[in-house]
Amino acid sequence: MIVPLLIEANFGAWQGLTHSEIDAQYPGARQAREADKWHYVIPGGESYALVDARARCWLASRRHAAVTIAVTHEMLSRTMQGAYAGLTQTDTLGCSHRQDRIYWLHDGQIAELLC
């Protein structure tokens, strides 16, 4: 089942572009995003703050199963981990999201499991 709150972050006008293409079409935008990665909204897309709001909403939603498995992409995974563990924005941005791992959120802890 696809859950709209868990969809990949929207990169708007940057979707599908290389860094070089972004730099050519939006001079200085990547640097502006790096300067305030949490709040910078990609043109037509989302910021980490907006994705964090989705993650928090999903975490607060009622689920009917004892165990829920959610498959996400990097931005949503980081914000979900941060929201779950009560991390600061800086610590949330530093959360891991390796492609060969499962992140198990349980009892207020986050465990990283090797696949």
PDB file of N, CA and C in Angstrom:
ATOM      1  N   MET A   1       0.840  -1.162   0.000  1.00  0.00           N
ATOM      2  CA  MET A   1       0.000   0.000   0.000  1.00  0.00           C
ATOM      3  C   MET A   1       0.899   1.243   0.000  1.00  0.00           C
ATOM      4  N   ILE A   2       0.581   2.203  -0.849  1.00  0.00           N
ATOM      5  CA  ILE A   2       1.314   3.465  -0.885  1.00  0.00           C
ATOM      6  C   ILE A   2       0.604   4.448   0.027  1.00  0.00           C
ATOM      7  N   VAL A   3       1.352   5.008   0.961  1.00  0.00           N
ATOM      8  CA  VAL A   3       0.814   5.971   1.916  1.00  0.00           C
ATOM      9  C   VAL A   3       1.335   7.349   1.518  1.00  0.00           C
ATOM     10  N   PRO A   4       0.467   8.295   1.167  1.00  0.00           N
ATOM     11  CA  PRO A   4       0.922   9.609   0.714  1.00  0.00           C
ATOM     12  C   PRO A   4       1.892  10.309   1.664  1.00  0.00           C
ATOM     13  N   LEU A   5       1.730  10.115   2.969  1.00  0.00           N
ATOM     14  CA  LEU A   5       2.644  10.756   3.916  1.00  0.00           C
ATOM     15  C   LEU A   5       4.072  10.223   3.798  1.00  0.00           C
ATOM     16  N   LEU A   6       4.240   9.037   3.207  1.00  0.00           N
ATOM     17  CA  LEU A   6       5.557   8.414   3.119  1.00  0.00           C
ATOM     18  C   LEU A   6       6.190   8.503   1.728  1.00  0.00           C
ATOM     19  N   ILE A   7       5.573   9.249   0.825  1.00  0.00           N
ATOM     20  CA  ILE A   7       6.156   9.337  -0.520  1.00  0.00           C
ATOM     21  C   ILE A   7       7.480  10.087  -0.478  1.00  0.00           C
ATOM     22  N   GLU A   8       8.288   9.843  -1.480  1.00  0.00           N
ATOM     23  CA  GLU A   8       9.588  10.474  -1.593  1.00  0.00           C
ATOM     24  C   GLU A   8       9.454  11.993  -1.560  1.00  0.00           C
ATOM     25  N   ALA A   9      10.459  12.652  -0.998  1.00  0.00           N
ATOM     26  CA  ALA A   9      10.468  14.114  -0.953  1.00  0.00           C
ATOM     27  C   ALA A   9      10.350  14.681  -2.362  1.00  0.00           C
ATOM     28  N   ASN A  10       9.612  15.765  -2.475  1.00  0.00           N
ATOM     29  CA  ASN A  10       9.388  16.410  -3.761  1.00  0.00           C
ATOM     30  C   ASN A  10      10.542  17.382  -4.046  1.00  0.00           C
ATOM     31  N   PHE A  11      11.302  17.099  -5.093  1.00  0.00           N
ATOM     32  CA  PHE A  11      12.411  17.965  -5.476  1.00  0.00           C
ATOM     33  C   PHE A  11      12.006  18.987  -6.536  1.00  0.00           C
ATOM     34  N   GLY A  12      10.709  19.096  -6.786  1.00  0.00           N
ATOM     35  CA  GLY A  12      10.167  20.140  -7.636  1.00  0.00           C
ATOM     36  C   GLY A  12      10.950  20.364  -8.918  1.00  0.00           C
ATOM     37  N   ALA A  13      11.342  21.608  -9.145  1.00  0.00           N
ATOM     38  CA  ALA A  13      12.044  22.001 -10.365  1.00  0.00           C
ATOM     39  C   ALA A  13      13.398  21.311 -10.507  1.00  0.00           C
ATOM     40  N   TRP A  14      13.941  20.786  -9.425  1.00  0.00           N
ATOM     41  CA  TRP A  14      15.242  20.119  -9.468  1.00  0.00           C
ATOM     42  C   TRP A  14      15.124  18.637  -9.818  1.00  0.00           C
ATOM     43  N   GLN A  15      13.919  18.097  -9.800  1.00  0.00           N
ATOM     44  CA  GLN A  15      13.730  16.664 -10.028  1.00  0.00           C
ATOM     45  C   GLN A  15      14.392  16.217 -11.334  1.00  0.00           C
ATOM     46  N   GLY A  16      15.253  15.241 -11.239  1.00  0.00           N
ATOM     47  CA  GLY A  16      15.904  14.660 -12.412  1.00  0.00           C
ATOM     48  C   GLY A  16      17.095  15.431 -12.932  1.00  0.00           C
ATOM     49  N   LEU A  17      17.420  16.569 -12.321  1.00  0.00           N
ATOM     50  CA  LEU A  17      18.556  17.370 -12.781  1.00  0.00           C
ATOM     51  C   LEU A  17      19.840  16.962 -12.063  1.00  0.00           C
ATOM     52  N   THR A  18      20.957  17.075 -12.762  1.00  0.00           N
ATOM     53  CA  THR A  18      22.262  16.870 -12.132  1.00  0.00           C
ATOM     54  C   THR A  18      22.634  18.142 -11.369  1.00  0.00           C
ATOM     55  N   HIS A  19      23.650  18.049 -10.527  1.00  0.00           N
ATOM     56  CA  HIS A  19      24.116  19.244  -9.817  1.00  0.00           C
ATOM     57  C   HIS A  19      24.521  20.336 -10.797  1.00  0.00           C
ATOM     58  N   SER A  20      25.183  19.969 -11.868  1.00  0.00           N
ATOM     59  CA  SER A  20      25.604  20.953 -12.878  1.00  0.00           C
ATOM     60  C   SER A  20      24.403  21.639 -13.509  1.00  0.00           C
ATOM     61  N   GLU A  21      23.367  20.874 -13.796  1.00  0.00           N
ATOM     62  CA  GLU A  21      22.165  21.449 -14.391  1.00  0.00           C
ATOM     63  C   GLU A  21      21.448  22.377 -13.412  1.00  0.00           C
ATOM     64  N   ILE A  22      21.388  21.985 -12.142  1.00  0.00           N
ATOM     65  CA  ILE A  22      20.783  22.852 -11.117  1.00  0.00           C
ATOM     66  C   ILE A  22      21.565  24.149 -11.024  1.00  0.00           C
ATOM     67  N   ASP A  23      22.894  24.055 -10.983  1.00  0.00           N
ATOM     68  CA  ASP A  23      23.735  25.247 -10.873  1.00  0.00           C
ATOM     69  C   ASP A  23      23.554  26.174 -12.063  1.00  0.00           C
ATOM     70  N   ALA A  24      23.388  25.625 -13.255  1.00  0.00           N
ATOM     71  CA  ALA A  24      23.212  26.437 -14.456  1.00  0.00           C
ATOM     72  C   ALA A  24      21.834  27.112 -14.472  1.00  0.00           C
ATOM     73  N   GLN A  25      20.811  26.388 -14.058  1.00  0.00           N
ATOM     74  CA  GLN A  25      19.448  26.915 -14.124  1.00  0.00           C
ATOM     75  C   GLN A  25      19.050  27.735 -12.900  1.00  0.00           C
ATOM     76  N   TYR A  26      19.674  27.434 -11.761  1.00  0.00           N
ATOM     77  CA  TYR A  26      19.342  28.092 -10.491  1.00  0.00           C
ATOM     78  C   TYR A  26      20.630  28.489  -9.773  1.00  0.00           C
ATOM     79  N   PRO A  27      21.363  29.474 -10.331  1.00  0.00           N
ATOM     80  CA  PRO A  27      22.658  29.850  -9.756  1.00  0.00           C
ATOM     81  C   PRO A  27      22.547  30.189  -8.261  1.00  0.00           C
ATOM     82  N   GLY A  28      23.418  29.580  -7.469  1.00  0.00           N
ATOM     83  CA  GLY A  28      23.481  29.838  -6.034  1.00  0.00           C
ATOM     84  C   GLY A  28      22.453  29.090  -5.204  1.00  0.00           C
ATOM     85  N   ALA A  29      21.515  28.398  -5.848  1.00  0.00           N
ATOM     86  CA  ALA A  29      20.441  27.732  -5.101  1.00  0.00           C
ATOM     87  C   ALA A  29      20.952  26.575  -4.245  1.00  0.00           C
ATOM     88  N   ARG A  30      21.850  25.770  -4.794  1.00  0.00           N
ATOM     89  CA  ARG A  30      22.354  24.643  -3.987  1.00  0.00           C
ATOM     90  C   ARG A  30      23.123  25.157  -2.785  1.00  0.00           C
ATOM     91  N   GLN A  31      23.868  26.242  -2.944  1.00  0.00           N
ATOM     92  CA  GLN A  31      24.607  26.819  -1.818  1.00  0.00           C
ATOM     93  C   GLN A  31      23.632  27.375  -0.774  1.00  0.00           C
ATOM     94  N   ALA A  32      22.551  28.003  -1.246  1.00  0.00           N
ATOM     95  CA  ALA A  32      21.539  28.515  -0.317  1.00  0.00           C
ATOM     96  C   ALA A  32      20.897  27.371   0.458  1.00  0.00           C
ATOM     97  N   ARG A  33      20.651  26.271  -0.212  1.00  0.00           N
ATOM     98  CA  ARG A  33      20.068  25.109   0.465  1.00  0.00           C
ATOM     99  C   ARG A  33      21.041  24.556   1.505  1.00  0.00           C
ATOM    100  N   GLU A  34      22.305  24.461   1.157  1.00  0.00           N
ATOM    101  CA  GLU A  34      23.296  23.954   2.115  1.00  0.00           C
ATOM    102  C   GLU A  34      23.415  24.866   3.334  1.00  0.00           C
ATOM    103  N   ALA A  35      23.221  26.169   3.135  1.00  0.00           N
ATOM    104  CA  ALA A  35      23.319  27.124   4.239  1.00  0.00           C
ATOM    105  C   ALA A  35      22.165  26.972   5.234  1.00  0.00           C
ATOM    106  N   ASP A  36      21.013  26.512   4.771  1.00  0.00           N
ATOM    107  CA  ASP A  36      19.865  26.290   5.647  1.00  0.00           C
ATOM    108  C   ASP A  36      19.049  25.122   5.106  1.00  0.00           C
ATOM    109  N   LYS A  37      19.650  23.954   5.166  1.00  0.00           N
ATOM    110  CA  LYS A  37      19.057  22.757   4.563  1.00  0.00           C
ATOM    111  C   LYS A  37      17.690  22.429   5.151  1.00  0.00           C
ATOM    112  N   TRP A  38      17.457  22.749   6.416  1.00  0.00           N
ATOM    113  CA  TRP A  38      16.200  22.414   7.063  1.00  0.00           C
ATOM    114  C   TRP A  38      15.034  23.219   6.484  1.00  0.00           C
ATOM    115  N   HIS A  39      15.243  24.503   6.255  1.00  0.00           N
ATOM    116  CA  HIS A  39      14.154  25.386   5.849  1.00  0.00           C
ATOM    117  C   HIS A  39      14.104  25.699   4.357  1.00  0.00           C
ATOM    118  N   TYR A  40      15.183  25.449   3.628  1.00  0.00           N
ATOM    119  CA  TYR A  40      15.208  25.813   2.213  1.00  0.00           C
ATOM    120  C   TYR A  40      14.194  24.973   1.435  1.00  0.00           C
ATOM    121  N   VAL A  41      13.263  25.654   0.772  1.00  0.00           N
ATOM    122  CA  VAL A  41      12.257  24.969  -0.038  1.00  0.00           C
ATOM    123  C   VAL A  41      12.724  24.996  -1.488  1.00  0.00           C
ATOM    124  N   ILE A  42      12.942  23.833  -2.039  1.00  0.00           N
ATOM    125  CA  ILE A  42      13.325  23.714  -3.445  1.00  0.00           C
ATOM    126  C   ILE A  42      12.163  24.264  -4.275  1.00  0.00           C
ATOM    127  N   PRO A  43      12.437  25.070  -5.307  1.00  0.00           N
ATOM    128  CA  PRO A  43      11.344  25.636  -6.103  1.00  0.00           C
ATOM    129  C   PRO A  43      10.361  24.556  -6.570  1.00  0.00           C
ATOM    130  N   GLY A  44       9.107  24.717  -6.151  1.00  0.00           N
ATOM    131  CA  GLY A  44       8.079  23.746  -6.512  1.00  0.00           C
ATOM    132  C   GLY A  44       8.167  22.448  -5.734  1.00  0.00           C
ATOM    133  N   GLY A  45       9.043  22.387  -4.735  1.00  0.00           N
ATOM    134  CA  GLY A  45       9.257  21.152  -3.993  1.00  0.00           C
ATOM    135  C   GLY A  45       9.122  21.334  -2.499  1.00  0.00           C
ATOM    136  N   GLU A  46       9.929  20.591  -1.759  1.00  0.00           N
ATOM    137  CA  GLU A  46       9.827  20.573  -0.301  1.00  0.00           C
ATOM    138  C   GLU A  46      11.162  20.867   0.363  1.00  0.00           C
ATOM    139  N   SER A  47      11.075  21.252   1.607  1.00  0.00           N
ATOM    140  CA  SER A  47      12.236  21.394   2.485  1.00  0.00           C
ATOM    141  C   SER A  47      12.245  20.212   3.451  1.00  0.00           C
ATOM    142  N   TYR A  48      13.330  20.088   4.209  1.00  0.00           N
ATOM    143  CA  TYR A  48      13.351  19.082   5.267  1.00  0.00           C
ATOM    144  C   TYR A  48      12.237  19.361   6.277  1.00  0.00           C
ATOM    145  N   ALA A  49      11.956  20.636   6.562  1.00  0.00           N
ATOM    146  CA  ALA A  49      10.909  20.976   7.530  1.00  0.00           C
ATOM    147  C   ALA A  49       9.549  20.456   7.065  1.00  0.00           C
ATOM    148  N   LEU A  50       9.261  20.588   5.783  1.00  0.00           N
ATOM    149  CA  LEU A  50       7.980  20.091   5.261  1.00  0.00           C
ATOM    150  C   LEU A  50       7.917  18.565   5.296  1.00  0.00           C
ATOM    151  N   VAL A  51       9.022  17.916   4.967  1.00  0.00           N
ATOM    152  CA  VAL A  51       9.064  16.451   5.015  1.00  0.00           C
ATOM    153  C   VAL A  51       8.959  15.982   6.467  1.00  0.00           C
ATOM    154  N   ASP A  52       9.598  16.714   7.377  1.00  0.00           N
ATOM    155  CA  ASP A  52       9.512  16.397   8.801  1.00  0.00           C
ATOM    156  C   ASP A  52       8.055  16.443   9.272  1.00  0.00           C
ATOM    157  N   ALA A  53       7.297  17.416   8.810  1.00  0.00           N
ATOM    158  CA  ALA A  53       5.880  17.513   9.196  1.00  0.00           C
ATOM    159  C   ALA A  53       5.110  16.273   8.742  1.00  0.00           C
ATOM    160  N   ARG A  54       5.423  15.791   7.536  1.00  0.00           N
ATOM    161  CA  ARG A  54       4.771  14.555   7.057  1.00  0.00           C
ATOM    162  C   ARG A  54       5.162  13.366   7.916  1.00  0.00           C
ATOM    163  N   ALA A  55       6.453  13.274   8.249  1.00  0.00           N
ATOM    164  CA  ALA A  55       6.938  12.154   9.069  1.00  0.00           C
ATOM    165  C   ALA A  55       6.256  12.158  10.432  1.00  0.00           C
ATOM    166  N   ARG A  56       6.156  13.328  11.040  1.00  0.00           N
ATOM    167  CA  ARG A  56       5.509  13.439  12.353  1.00  0.00           C
ATOM    168  C   ARG A  56       4.027  13.054  12.277  1.00  0.00           C
ATOM    169  N   CYS A  57       3.385  13.468  11.221  1.00  0.00           N
ATOM    170  CA  CYS A  57       1.976  13.123  11.037  1.00  0.00           C
ATOM    171  C   CYS A  57       1.813  11.613  10.899  1.00  0.00           C
ATOM    172  N   TRP A  58       2.687  10.983  10.124  1.00  0.00           N
ATOM    173  CA  TRP A  58       2.604   9.534   9.955  1.00  0.00           C
ATOM    174  C   TRP A  58       2.881   8.819  11.275  1.00  0.00           C
ATOM    175  N   LEU A  59       3.913   9.266  11.997  1.00  0.00           N
ATOM    176  CA  LEU A  59       4.238   8.625  13.268  1.00  0.00           C
ATOM    177  C   LEU A  59       3.085   8.742  14.268  1.00  0.00           C
ATOM    178  N   ALA A  60       2.358   9.843  14.211  1.00  0.00           N
ATOM    179  CA  ALA A  60       1.246  10.060  15.139  1.00  0.00           C
ATOM    180  C   ALA A  60      -0.037   9.340  14.715  1.00  0.00           C
ATOM    181  N   SER A  61      -0.071   8.852  13.479  1.00  0.00           N
ATOM    182  CA  SER A  61      -1.283   8.206  12.986  1.00  0.00           C
ATOM    183  C   SER A  61      -1.482   6.833  13.624  1.00  0.00           C
ATOM    184  N   ARG A  62      -2.715   6.440  13.686  1.00  0.00           N
ATOM    185  CA  ARG A  62      -3.062   5.140  14.274  1.00  0.00           C
ATOM    186  C   ARG A  62      -2.859   4.035  13.242  1.00  0.00           C
ATOM    187  N   ARG A  63      -2.224   2.976  13.684  1.00  0.00           N
ATOM    188  CA  ARG A  63      -2.045   1.804  12.829  1.00  0.00           C
ATOM    189  C   ARG A  63      -2.713   0.615  13.501  1.00  0.00           C
ATOM    190  N   HIS A  64      -3.205  -0.292  12.692  1.00  0.00           N
ATOM    191  CA  HIS A  64      -3.972  -1.419  13.225  1.00  0.00           C
ATOM    192  C   HIS A  64      -3.133  -2.675  13.426  1.00  0.00           C
ATOM    193  N   ALA A  65      -1.891  -2.662  12.968  1.00  0.00           N
ATOM    194  CA  ALA A  65      -1.016  -3.835  13.113  1.00  0.00           C
ATOM    195  C   ALA A  65      -0.019  -3.599  14.245  1.00  0.00           C
ATOM    196  N   ALA A  66       0.384  -4.664  14.880  1.00  0.00           N
ATOM    197  CA  ALA A  66       1.378  -4.559  15.958  1.00  0.00           C
ATOM    198  C   ALA A  66       2.739  -4.133  15.417  1.00  0.00           C
ATOM    199  N   VAL A  67       3.034  -4.513  14.183  1.00  0.00           N
ATOM    200  CA  VAL A  67       4.310  -4.180  13.547  1.00  0.00           C
ATOM    201  C   VAL A  67       3.999  -3.520  12.209  1.00  0.00           C
ATOM    202  N   THR A  68       4.672  -2.420  11.945  1.00  0.00           N
ATOM    203  CA  THR A  68       4.508  -1.720  10.678  1.00  0.00           C
ATOM    204  C   THR A  68       5.863  -1.626  10.000  1.00  0.00           C
ATOM    205  N   ILE A  69       5.912  -1.944   8.738  1.00  0.00           N
ATOM    206  CA  ILE A  69       7.139  -1.802   7.956  1.00  0.00           C
ATOM    207  C   ILE A  69       6.893  -0.684   6.952  1.00  0.00           C
ATOM    208  N   ALA A  70       7.768   0.317   6.995  1.00  0.00           N
ATOM    209  CA  ALA A  70       7.656   1.452   6.075  1.00  0.00           C
ATOM    210  C   ALA A  70       8.939   1.519   5.250  1.00  0.00           C
ATOM    211  N   VAL A  71       8.790   1.598   3.951  1.00  0.00           N
ATOM    212  CA  VAL A  71       9.937   1.723   3.052  1.00  0.00           C
ATOM    213  C   VAL A  71       9.961   3.171   2.583  1.00  0.00           C
ATOM    214  N   THR A  72      11.076   3.854   2.859  1.00  0.00           N
ATOM    215  CA  THR A  72      11.159   5.276   2.561  1.00  0.00           C
ATOM    216  C   THR A  72      12.485   5.614   1.876  1.00  0.00           C
ATOM    217  N   HIS A  73      12.560   6.858   1.457  1.00  0.00           N
ATOM    218  CA  HIS A  73      13.791   7.393   0.897  1.00  0.00           C
ATOM    219  C   HIS A  73      14.514   8.211   1.969  1.00  0.00           C
ATOM    220  N   GLU A  74      15.669   8.734   1.608  1.00  0.00           N
ATOM    221  CA  GLU A  74      16.584   9.358   2.569  1.00  0.00           C
ATOM    222  C   GLU A  74      15.973  10.479   3.408  1.00  0.00           C
ATOM    223  N   MET A  75      15.393  11.508   2.775  1.00  0.00           N
ATOM    224  CA  MET A  75      14.883  12.639   3.558  1.00  0.00           C
ATOM    225  C   MET A  75      13.806  12.202   4.544  1.00  0.00           C
ATOM    226  N   LEU A  76      12.902  11.373   4.086  1.00  0.00           N
ATOM    227  CA  LEU A  76      11.827  10.924   4.971  1.00  0.00           C
ATOM    228  C   LEU A  76      12.376  10.020   6.073  1.00  0.00           C
ATOM    229  N   SER A  77      13.325   9.168   5.743  1.00  0.00           N
ATOM    230  CA  SER A  77      13.927   8.295   6.750  1.00  0.00           C
ATOM    231  C   SER A  77      14.599   9.118   7.845  1.00  0.00           C
ATOM    232  N   ARG A  78      15.375  10.107   7.446  1.00  0.00           N
ATOM    233  CA  ARG A  78      16.054  10.950   8.439  1.00  0.00           C
ATOM    234  C   ARG A  78      15.056  11.683   9.319  1.00  0.00           C
ATOM    235  N   THR A  79      14.054  12.311   8.705  1.00  0.00           N
ATOM    236  CA  THR A  79      13.100  13.077   9.500  1.00  0.00           C
ATOM    237  C   THR A  79      12.259  12.162  10.392  1.00  0.00           C
ATOM    238  N   MET A  80      11.949  10.967   9.911  1.00  0.00           N
ATOM    239  CA  MET A  80      11.200  10.033  10.738  1.00  0.00           C
ATOM    240  C   MET A  80      12.030   9.607  11.954  1.00  0.00           C
ATOM    241  N   GLN A  81      13.298   9.308  11.724  1.00  0.00           N
ATOM    242  CA  GLN A  81      14.175   8.941  12.836  1.00  0.00           C
ATOM    243  C   GLN A  81      14.281  10.086  13.844  1.00  0.00           C
ATOM    244  N   GLY A  82      14.477  11.297  13.317  1.00  0.00           N
ATOM    245  CA  GLY A  82      14.619  12.463  14.193  1.00  0.00           C
ATOM    246  C   GLY A  82      13.371  12.738  14.998  1.00  0.00           C
ATOM    247  N   ALA A  83      12.213  12.669  14.338  1.00  0.00           N
ATOM    248  CA  ALA A  83      10.949  12.907  15.032  1.00  0.00           C
ATOM    249  C   ALA A  83      10.706  11.833  16.082  1.00  0.00           C
ATOM    250  N   TYR A  84      10.986  10.594  15.735  1.00  0.00           N
ATOM    251  CA  TYR A  84      10.761   9.474  16.654  1.00  0.00           C
ATOM    252  C   TYR A  84      11.623   9.601  17.905  1.00  0.00           C
ATOM    253  N   ALA A  85      12.884   9.987  17.709  1.00  0.00           N
ATOM    254  CA  ALA A  85      13.830  10.045  18.826  1.00  0.00           C
ATOM    255  C   ALA A  85      13.904  11.418  19.483  1.00  0.00           C
ATOM    256  N   GLY A  86      13.137  12.390  18.990  1.00  0.00           N
ATOM    257  CA  GLY A  86      13.157  13.722  19.583  1.00  0.00           C
ATOM    258  C   GLY A  86      14.472  14.459  19.355  1.00  0.00           C
ATOM    259  N   LEU A  87      15.067  14.244  18.189  1.00  0.00           N
ATOM    260  CA  LEU A  87      16.361  14.857  17.888  1.00  0.00           C
ATOM    261  C   LEU A  87      16.215  16.311  17.440  1.00  0.00           C
ATOM    262  N   THR A  88      17.299  17.062  17.567  1.00  0.00           N
ATOM    263  CA  THR A  88      17.336  18.424  17.049  1.00  0.00           C
ATOM    264  C   THR A  88      17.381  18.367  15.523  1.00  0.00           C
ATOM    265  N   GLN A  89      17.150  19.498  14.882  1.00  0.00           N
ATOM    266  CA  GLN A  89      17.233  19.563  13.427  1.00  0.00           C
ATOM    267  C   GLN A  89      18.626  19.153  12.951  1.00  0.00           C
ATOM    268  N   THR A  90      19.657  19.638  13.606  1.00  0.00           N
ATOM    269  CA  THR A  90      21.035  19.306  13.220  1.00  0.00           C
ATOM    270  C   THR A  90      21.299  17.816  13.350  1.00  0.00           C
ATOM    271  N   ASP A  91      20.867  17.226  14.457  1.00  0.00           N
ATOM    272  CA  ASP A  91      21.077  15.795  14.653  1.00  0.00           C
ATOM    273  C   ASP A  91      20.242  14.968  13.668  1.00  0.00           C
ATOM    274  N   THR A  92      19.057  15.458  13.345  1.00  0.00           N
ATOM    275  CA  THR A  92      18.215  14.769  12.366  1.00  0.00           C
ATOM    276  C   THR A  92      18.896  14.742  11.007  1.00  0.00           C
ATOM    277  N   LEU A  93      19.457  15.880  10.591  1.00  0.00           N
ATOM    278  CA  LEU A  93      20.157  15.936   9.309  1.00  0.00           C
ATOM    279  C   LEU A  93      21.353  14.990   9.284  1.00  0.00           C
ATOM    280  N   GLY A  94      21.905  14.690  10.447  1.00  0.00           N
ATOM    281  CA  GLY A  94      23.046  13.786  10.540  1.00  0.00           C
ATOM    282  C   GLY A  94      22.674  12.320  10.653  1.00  0.00           C
ATOM    283  N   CYS A  95      21.371  12.028  10.692  1.00  0.00           N
ATOM    284  CA  CYS A  95      20.949  10.629  10.796  1.00  0.00           C
ATOM    285  C   CYS A  95      21.408   9.853   9.563  1.00  0.00           C
ATOM    286  N   SER A  96      21.675   8.602   9.790  1.00  0.00           N
ATOM    287  CA  SER A  96      22.102   7.714   8.722  1.00  0.00           C
ATOM    288  C   SER A  96      20.911   7.245   7.899  1.00  0.00           C
ATOM    289  N   HIS A  97      21.173   7.003   6.652  1.00  0.00           N
ATOM    290  CA  HIS A  97      20.187   6.336   5.795  1.00  0.00           C
ATOM    291  C   HIS A  97      20.951   5.555   4.731  1.00  0.00           C
ATOM    292  N   ARG A  98      21.616   4.523   5.179  1.00  0.00           N
ATOM    293  CA  ARG A  98      22.344   3.668   4.238  1.00  0.00           C
ATOM    294  C   ARG A  98      21.354   2.774   3.522  1.00  0.00           C
ATOM    295  N   GLN A  99      21.645   2.490   2.271  1.00  0.00           N
ATOM    296  CA  GLN A  99      20.725   1.716   1.435  1.00  0.00           C
ATOM    297  C   GLN A  99      20.678   0.230   1.792  1.00  0.00           C
ATOM    298  N   ASP A 100      21.670  -0.248   2.517  1.00  0.00           N
ATOM    299  CA  ASP A 100      21.708  -1.670   2.864  1.00  0.00           C
ATOM    300  C   ASP A 100      21.362  -1.903   4.336  1.00  0.00           C
ATOM    301  N   ARG A 101      20.514  -1.034   4.879  1.00  0.00           N
ATOM    302  CA  ARG A 101      20.161  -1.129   6.290  1.00  0.00           C
ATOM    303  C   ARG A 101      18.648  -1.067   6.478  1.00  0.00           C
ATOM    304  N   ILE A 102      18.241  -1.594   7.600  1.00  0.00           N
ATOM    305  CA  ILE A 102      16.878  -1.440   8.082  1.00  0.00           C
ATOM    306  C   ILE A 102      16.994  -0.648   9.380  1.00  0.00           C
ATOM    307  N   TYR A 103      16.161   0.355   9.519  1.00  0.00           N
ATOM    308  CA  TYR A 103      16.152   1.160  10.739  1.00  0.00           C
ATOM    309  C   TYR A 103      14.913   0.777  11.531  1.00  0.00           C
ATOM    310  N   TRP A 104      15.141   0.185  12.691  1.00  0.00           N
ATOM    311  CA  TRP A 104      14.079  -0.326  13.529  1.00  0.00           C
ATOM    312  C   TRP A 104      13.807   0.680  14.639  1.00  0.00           C
ATOM    313  N   LEU A 105      12.638   1.277  14.614  1.00  0.00           N
ATOM    314  CA  LEU A 105      12.224   2.246  15.618  1.00  0.00           C
ATOM    315  C   LEU A 105      11.360   1.506  16.634  1.00  0.00           C
ATOM    316  N   HIS A 106      11.857   1.401  17.850  1.00  0.00           N
ATOM    317  CA  HIS A 106      11.132   0.663  18.879  1.00  0.00           C
ATOM    318  C   HIS A 106      11.532   1.156  20.256  1.00  0.00           C
ATOM    319  N   ASP A 107      10.567   1.220  21.153  1.00  0.00           N
ATOM    320  CA  ASP A 107      10.805   1.602  22.552  1.00  0.00           C
ATOM    321  C   ASP A 107      11.625   2.881  22.689  1.00  0.00           C
ATOM    322  N   GLY A 108      11.381   3.859  21.816  1.00  0.00           N
ATOM    323  CA  GLY A 108      12.098   5.126  21.874  1.00  0.00           C
ATOM    324  C   GLY A 108      13.521   5.080  21.372  1.00  0.00           C
ATOM    325  N   GLN A 109      13.936   3.957  20.828  1.00  0.00           N
ATOM    326  CA  GLN A 109      15.304   3.772  20.310  1.00  0.00           C
ATOM    327  C   GLN A 109      15.271   3.519  18.815  1.00  0.00           C
ATOM    328  N   ILE A 110      16.421   3.749  18.183  1.00  0.00           N
ATOM    329  CA  ILE A 110      16.572   3.449  16.761  1.00  0.00           C
ATOM    330  C   ILE A 110      17.727   2.471  16.619  1.00  0.00           C
ATOM    331  N   ALA A 111      17.444   1.304  16.090  1.00  0.00           N
ATOM    332  CA  ALA A 111      18.485   0.297  15.859  1.00  0.00           C
ATOM    333  C   ALA A 111      18.738   0.201  14.364  1.00  0.00           C
ATOM    334  N   GLU A 112      19.994   0.132  13.999  1.00  0.00           N
ATOM    335  CA  GLU A 112      20.393  -0.012  12.595  1.00  0.00           C
ATOM    336  C   GLU A 112      20.749  -1.462  12.355  1.00  0.00           C
ATOM    337  N   LEU A 113      20.009  -2.121  11.490  1.00  0.00           N
ATOM    338  CA  LEU A 113      20.205  -3.537  11.217  1.00  0.00           C
ATOM    339  C   LEU A 113      20.779  -3.731   9.822  1.00  0.00           C
ATOM    340  N   LEU A 114      21.809  -4.535   9.720  1.00  0.00           N
ATOM    341  CA  LEU A 114      22.416  -4.854   8.417  1.00  0.00           C
ATOM    342  C   LEU A 114      21.522  -5.817   7.659  1.00  0.00           C
ATOM    343  N   CYS A 115      21.262  -5.530   6.406  1.00  0.00           N
ATOM    344  CA  CYS A 115      20.432  -6.420   5.579  1.00  0.00           C
ATOM    345  C   CYS A 115      21.247  -7.605   5.098  1.00  0.00           C
TER     346      CYS A 115
END
